[in-house]
Amino acid sequence: MAAVGAQAAALLDAGGAVGEVPPPAPVAGGLRLRAPEPYALSAVARGHGGVGLAPSAYDGTRLHRVLRLPDGPLPVVVHPDLTVTWARPTAHEDEVRRQLAEVLALADDLGELWDACDRVAGLRGARPAGAGRVLRAPTAFEDLVATLASTNASYAASRRRVAALVGAGPFPTAEQVAVLGEDGLRARGWGYRAPALLALARDVADGRRDVEAWRSPHVPDDEVVAALRGLAGFGPFAAATALPLLGGRPRPLVLDGWLRRQVPDPSPFAVMGRWAGTGLWLAVTAGRWSPR
């Protein structure tokens, strides 16, 4: 995943738009989310490359996302003050709030992480900056598919692969992915990953794997790691990448080639205990959350 790391980092660190930003649309409704203090949308949106994968995009200021609601797809725009706007009426504002609270990691308690960051000189600004939240998808299934798409691939190829599944709507359900079959997934650019994606989709659709439960704080980290490693196509680094997307869990200290080039000696982060991998990631991405 070194290619993804390098290419995504270049885009995220440069500022500006990431992903396919939709054209402006009239505003038909909206709401305001309550954010923890401190909170910076830019830091969360630029926390990792998932922001550039359909149906998500960031225009340099605002997060764009297509949500799946009971009354149909709803493109929403999240503004820096966490005002949310959309272009058609909907009767499901509560569901918009619920999904975006997950996407924006609004309920994550970062106290333990910040205590660990205070032990590393270069990370003592994480607490006042509110750093450490990771943008994620409304469902664990989507985050797992996105992680699988990025294994051993360039960022551009990962984006194309996910976009071919999504089209112009919300992210497909496991049932919708499963019915494509292996040939359909290969036709959408998934190549040798198609069997792994199909197995995941079928397991979720048939109820053999409850991946949404992996976001529960009642499931220990080691159980989630073991479950991730049991998925076809998920090696140590893919599992480490997915773990923070499953309820804000600590990122294991597992490095790919790109991270090793950024931090040749990760030993200073050992004082952070279970948060060592997250601390290393915060150090590598400091330009996205620390004051300039």
Protein backbone atom coordinates (compact mmCIF):
# COMPACT_ATOMS: atom_id res chain seq x y z
CA MET A 1 0.00 0.00 0.00
CA ALA A 2 3.02 2.29 -0.27
CA ALA A 3 1.76 3.75 -3.56
CA VAL A 4 -1.58 4.65 -2.02
CA GLY A 5 0.17 6.25 0.96
CA ALA A 6 2.48 8.39 -1.12
CA GLN A 7 -0.10 9.51 -3.69
CA ALA A 8 -2.90 10.13 -1.20
CA ALA A 9 -0.53 12.02 1.10
CA ALA A 10 0.58 14.29 -1.73
CA LEU A 11 -3.02 15.25 -2.48
CA LEU A 12 -4.09 15.64 1.13
CA ASP A 13 -1.01 17.63 2.14
CA ALA A 14 -1.30 19.97 -0.85
CA GLY A 15 -4.70 21.30 0.20
CA GLY A 16 -7.54 21.91 -2.21
CA ALA A 17 -10.03 19.41 -3.51
CA VAL A 18 -9.80 15.65 -3.05
CA GLY A 19 -12.16 13.34 -4.91
CA GLU A 20 -14.93 14.13 -7.39
CA VAL A 21 -16.57 17.28 -6.00
CA PRO A 22 -20.15 17.65 -7.32
CA PRO A 23 -21.40 20.90 -8.87
CA PRO A 24 -23.22 23.38 -6.62
CA ALA A 25 -26.87 22.64 -5.96
CA PRO A 26 -29.75 24.66 -4.48
CA VAL A 27 -30.40 24.22 -0.76
CA ALA A 28 -33.71 22.59 0.19
CA GLY A 29 -32.97 21.74 3.82
CA GLY A 30 -30.36 21.45 6.50
CA LEU A 31 -29.41 21.01 10.12
CA ARG A 32 -26.55 21.72 12.50
CA LEU A 33 -24.51 18.98 14.14
CA ARG A 34 -23.12 19.40 17.63
CA ALA A 35 -19.36 19.00 17.65
CA PRO A 36 -17.09 18.12 20.55
CA GLU A 37 -14.55 20.75 21.52
CA PRO A 38 -12.12 21.15 19.93
CA TYR A 39 -13.12 19.91 16.48
CA ALA A 40 -11.77 20.75 13.03
CA LEU A 41 -13.52 19.35 9.97
CA SER A 42 -10.43 19.90 7.83
CA ALA A 43 -8.30 17.73 10.11
CA VAL A 44 -10.85 14.92 10.13
CA ALA A 45 -11.51 15.09 6.39
CA ARG A 46 -7.79 15.02 5.56
CA GLY A 47 -6.96 12.36 8.11
CA HIS A 48 -6.68 9.61 5.50
CA GLY A 49 -7.29 8.97 1.82
CA GLY A 50 -10.83 7.64 2.24
CA VAL A 51 -12.16 11.18 1.79
CA GLY A 52 -11.33 10.93 -1.91
CA LEU A 53 -13.21 7.67 -2.50
CA ALA A 54 -16.77 7.77 -3.87
CA PRO A 55 -19.31 8.70 -2.68
CA SER A 56 -17.19 11.13 -0.63
CA ALA A 57 -15.18 14.20 -1.64
CA TYR A 58 -13.66 17.27 -0.03
CA ASP A 59 -13.48 20.61 -1.83
CA GLY A 60 -10.86 22.11 0.47
CA THR A 61 -13.46 23.52 2.85
CA ARG A 62 -16.56 21.32 2.79
CA LEU A 63 -17.18 17.58 2.89
CA HIS A 64 -19.49 16.16 0.22
CA ARG A 65 -21.18 12.81 0.72
CA VAL A 66 -24.11 10.83 -0.71
CA LEU A 67 -26.12 9.16 2.06
CA ARG A 68 -28.47 6.20 1.70
CA LEU A 69 -31.83 7.09 3.27
CA PRO A 70 -35.20 5.27 3.34
CA ASP A 71 -36.58 7.86 0.89
CA GLY A 72 -33.66 7.56 -1.53
CA PRO A 73 -30.13 8.86 -2.00
CA LEU A 74 -29.36 12.23 -0.41
CA PRO A 75 -26.27 14.23 -1.39
CA VAL A 76 -25.24 16.35 1.59
CA VAL A 77 -22.64 19.05 2.17
CA VAL A 78 -20.96 19.38 5.57
CA HIS A 79 -19.64 22.88 6.21
CA PRO A 80 -16.73 23.75 8.55
CA ASP A 81 -19.09 24.76 11.37
CA LEU A 82 -20.85 21.38 10.93
CA THR A 83 -23.89 22.91 9.33
CA VAL A 84 -25.26 20.31 6.89
CA THR A 85 -27.23 21.22 3.76
CA TRP A 86 -28.96 19.20 1.06
CA ALA A 87 -30.84 19.84 -2.18
CA ARG A 88 -34.13 17.94 -1.81
CA PRO A 89 -36.69 17.58 0.97
CA THR A 90 -36.32 14.59 3.29
CA ALA A 91 -38.28 13.36 6.28
CA HIS A 92 -35.28 11.53 7.71
CA GLU A 93 -33.20 14.21 9.43
CA ASP A 94 -32.58 11.91 12.39
CA GLU A 95 -30.98 9.36 10.07
CA VAL A 96 -28.85 12.10 8.50
CA ARG A 97 -27.64 13.04 11.99
CA ARG A 98 -26.93 9.42 12.91
CA GLN A 99 -24.95 8.64 9.78
CA LEU A 100 -22.93 11.85 9.85
CA ALA A 101 -22.12 11.42 13.54
CA GLU A 102 -20.48 8.15 12.52
CA VAL A 103 -18.78 9.59 9.43
CA LEU A 104 -17.35 12.53 11.38
CA ALA A 105 -16.46 10.49 14.50
CA LEU A 106 -18.34 12.96 16.68
CA ALA A 107 -18.82 10.55 19.59
CA ASP A 108 -15.22 9.33 19.83
CA ASP A 109 -13.62 9.85 23.24
CA LEU A 110 -9.99 10.82 22.56
CA GLY A 111 -8.92 11.39 26.16
CA GLU A 112 -6.77 8.25 26.35
CA LEU A 113 -5.13 9.02 23.01
CA TRP A 114 -4.34 12.60 24.02
CA ASP A 115 -2.86 11.43 27.32
CA ALA A 116 -0.59 9.17 25.29
CA CYS A 117 0.27 12.01 22.88
CA ASP A 118 1.40 14.14 25.80
CA ARG A 119 4.27 11.68 26.30
CA VAL A 120 5.75 12.55 22.87
CA ALA A 121 7.11 16.08 22.43
CA GLY A 122 5.99 16.45 18.82
CA LEU A 123 2.43 15.36 19.58
CA ARG A 124 1.58 17.59 22.53
CA GLY A 125 -0.41 19.82 20.22
CA ALA A 126 -2.85 17.02 19.38
CA ARG A 127 -5.09 17.73 22.38
CA PRO A 128 -5.66 21.47 21.76
CA ALA A 129 -6.06 20.78 18.03
CA GLY A 130 -8.60 18.02 18.60
CA ALA A 131 -6.51 15.72 16.40
CA GLY A 132 -7.04 11.97 16.21
CA ARG A 133 -10.51 11.51 14.75
CA VAL A 134 -10.60 9.60 11.47
CA LEU A 135 -13.21 10.15 8.79
CA ARG A 136 -15.10 6.94 8.16
CA ALA A 137 -18.08 5.63 6.24
CA PRO A 138 -21.62 5.26 7.57
CA THR A 139 -21.11 1.48 7.55
CA ALA A 140 -18.22 -0.78 8.41
CA PHE A 141 -18.92 -2.71 5.21
CA GLU A 142 -18.08 0.33 3.08
CA ASP A 143 -14.85 0.97 4.99
CA LEU A 144 -13.78 -2.65 4.56
CA VAL A 145 -14.48 -2.54 0.83
CA ALA A 146 -12.50 0.69 0.51
CA THR A 147 -9.60 -0.84 2.42
CA LEU A 148 -9.62 -3.88 0.14
CA ALA A 149 -9.66 -1.58 -2.90
CA SER A 150 -6.47 0.13 -1.74
CA THR A 151 -4.31 -2.95 -1.18
CA ASN A 152 -1.29 -3.10 -3.49
CA ALA A 153 -2.69 -0.32 -5.68
CA SER A 154 -2.17 3.28 -6.62
CA TYR A 155 -4.51 5.86 -5.16
CA ALA A 156 -5.90 6.65 -8.62
CA ALA A 157 -6.65 2.97 -9.26
CA SER A 158 -8.30 2.63 -5.85
CA ARG A 159 -10.53 5.59 -6.59
CA ARG A 160 -11.52 4.18 -9.99
CA ARG A 161 -12.27 0.77 -8.49
CA VAL A 162 -14.57 2.19 -5.82
CA ALA A 163 -16.21 4.66 -8.22
CA ALA A 164 -17.08 1.77 -10.55
CA LEU A 165 -19.08 0.20 -7.70
CA VAL A 166 -20.75 3.39 -6.56
CA GLY A 167 -21.69 5.23 -9.75
CA ALA A 168 -23.59 8.43 -8.99
CA GLY A 169 -25.49 7.17 -5.96
CA PRO A 170 -24.77 6.10 -2.39
CA PHE A 171 -22.42 3.25 -1.60
CA PRO A 172 -24.01 -0.09 -2.56
CA THR A 173 -25.23 -2.51 0.05
CA ALA A 174 -23.59 -5.89 0.53
CA GLU A 175 -26.57 -7.46 -1.25
CA GLN A 176 -26.09 -5.18 -4.27
CA VAL A 177 -22.40 -6.02 -4.46
CA ALA A 178 -23.04 -9.74 -4.07
CA VAL A 179 -25.47 -9.92 -7.00
CA LEU A 180 -22.77 -8.58 -9.36
CA GLY A 181 -20.91 -11.87 -9.06
CA GLU A 182 -17.22 -12.33 -9.77
CA ASP A 183 -17.52 -11.49 -13.46
CA GLY A 184 -19.39 -8.29 -12.72
CA LEU A 185 -16.77 -7.20 -10.20
CA ARG A 186 -13.92 -7.97 -12.57
CA ALA A 187 -15.68 -5.92 -15.22
CA ARG A 188 -15.64 -3.03 -12.75
CA GLY A 189 -11.88 -3.21 -12.37
CA TRP A 190 -11.55 -5.35 -9.26
CA GLY A 191 -9.35 -7.95 -10.96
CA TYR A 192 -7.81 -10.48 -8.58
CA ARG A 193 -9.58 -8.75 -5.66
CA ALA A 194 -12.98 -9.74 -7.05
CA PRO A 195 -13.19 -13.11 -5.23
CA ALA A 196 -12.26 -11.50 -1.90
CA LEU A 197 -14.82 -8.72 -2.33
CA LEU A 198 -17.49 -11.17 -3.41
CA ALA A 199 -16.82 -13.40 -0.39
CA LEU A 200 -17.07 -10.41 1.96
CA ALA A 201 -20.28 -9.16 0.34
CA ARG A 202 -21.91 -12.59 0.42
CA ASP A 203 -20.93 -13.21 4.03
CA VAL A 204 -22.38 -9.85 5.09
CA ALA A 205 -25.50 -10.18 2.94
CA ASP A 206 -26.21 -13.69 4.23
CA GLY A 207 -25.58 -12.76 7.87
CA ARG A 208 -22.51 -14.95 8.28
CA ARG A 209 -20.38 -11.94 9.27
CA ASP A 210 -21.77 -9.07 11.34
CA VAL A 211 -19.07 -6.56 10.43
CA GLU A 212 -21.13 -3.68 11.83
CA ALA A 213 -20.73 -5.22 15.29
CA TRP A 214 -16.97 -4.71 14.97
CA ARG A 215 -17.57 -1.03 15.67
CA SER A 216 -19.03 -1.81 19.09
CA PRO A 217 -16.85 -0.76 22.04
CA HIS A 218 -17.88 -4.02 23.71
CA VAL A 219 -15.86 -6.07 21.21
CA PRO A 220 -12.15 -6.17 22.22
CA ASP A 221 -9.55 -4.90 19.77
CA ASP A 222 -7.79 -8.25 19.52
CA GLU A 223 -11.04 -9.96 18.50
CA VAL A 224 -11.58 -7.38 15.76
CA VAL A 225 -7.99 -7.79 14.53
CA ALA A 226 -8.46 -11.56 14.37
CA ALA A 227 -11.73 -11.11 12.49
CA LEU A 228 -10.11 -8.74 10.01
CA ARG A 229 -7.22 -11.12 9.41
CA GLY A 230 -9.81 -13.80 8.69
CA LEU A 231 -11.05 -11.84 5.68
CA ALA A 232 -9.64 -12.76 2.28
CA GLY A 233 -7.26 -10.07 1.07
CA PHE A 234 -6.58 -8.57 4.52
CA GLY A 235 -2.95 -8.83 5.58
CA PRO A 236 -1.41 -7.14 8.63
CA PHE A 237 -1.27 -3.66 7.10
CA ALA A 238 -4.80 -3.77 5.68
CA ALA A 239 -6.10 -4.85 9.09
CA ALA A 240 -4.15 -2.05 10.77
CA THR A 241 -5.59 0.44 8.29
CA ALA A 242 -9.15 -0.73 8.89
CA LEU A 243 -9.00 -0.83 12.68
CA PRO A 244 -9.33 2.95 13.34
CA LEU A 245 -12.37 2.96 11.04
CA LEU A 246 -14.13 0.51 13.33
CA GLY A 247 -15.18 2.74 16.19
CA GLY A 248 -12.03 4.83 16.51
CA ARG A 249 -9.84 1.97 17.72
CA PRO A 250 -6.06 2.42 18.09
CA ARG A 251 -4.04 1.89 14.94
CA PRO A 252 -1.51 -0.94 15.41
CA LEU A 253 2.15 -0.08 14.86
CA VAL A 254 2.35 -1.87 11.51
CA LEU A 255 4.19 -0.06 8.72
CA ASP A 256 4.18 -0.31 4.96
CA GLY A 257 7.03 0.89 2.74
CA TRP A 258 5.79 4.49 2.56
CA LEU A 259 5.42 4.85 6.33
CA ARG A 260 8.85 3.32 6.88
CA ARG A 261 10.34 5.99 4.65
CA GLN A 262 8.57 8.70 6.65
CA VAL A 263 9.58 7.29 10.04
CA PRO A 264 12.64 5.03 9.78
CA ASP A 265 12.75 4.64 13.58
CA PRO A 266 9.29 4.23 15.18
CA SER A 267 10.70 3.37 18.62
CA PRO A 268 9.99 6.82 20.18
CA PHE A 269 6.27 6.08 19.89
CA ALA A 270 6.51 2.97 22.07
CA VAL A 271 5.82 5.14 25.15
CA MET A 272 2.29 5.57 23.83
CA GLY A 273 1.42 1.93 24.46
CA ARG A 274 -1.61 0.73 22.51
CA TRP A 275 -1.80 4.15 20.81
CA ALA A 276 1.72 3.94 19.33
CA GLY A 277 0.54 3.34 15.76
CA THR A 278 -2.00 6.16 15.98
CA GLY A 279 0.69 8.46 17.35
CA LEU A 280 3.01 7.63 14.48
CA TRP A 281 0.22 8.35 12.01
CA LEU A 282 -0.47 11.71 13.70
CA ALA A 283 3.22 12.56 13.44
CA VAL A 284 3.31 11.73 9.74
CA THR A 285 0.13 13.74 9.06
CA ALA A 286 0.90 16.62 11.42
CA GLY A 287 0.71 19.17 8.61
CA ARG A 288 -2.99 18.41 8.26
CA TRP A 289 -3.96 19.17 11.86
CA SER A 290 -1.28 21.25 13.55
CA PRO A 291 -1.39 25.06 13.32
CA ARG A 292 0.54 26.39 10.33
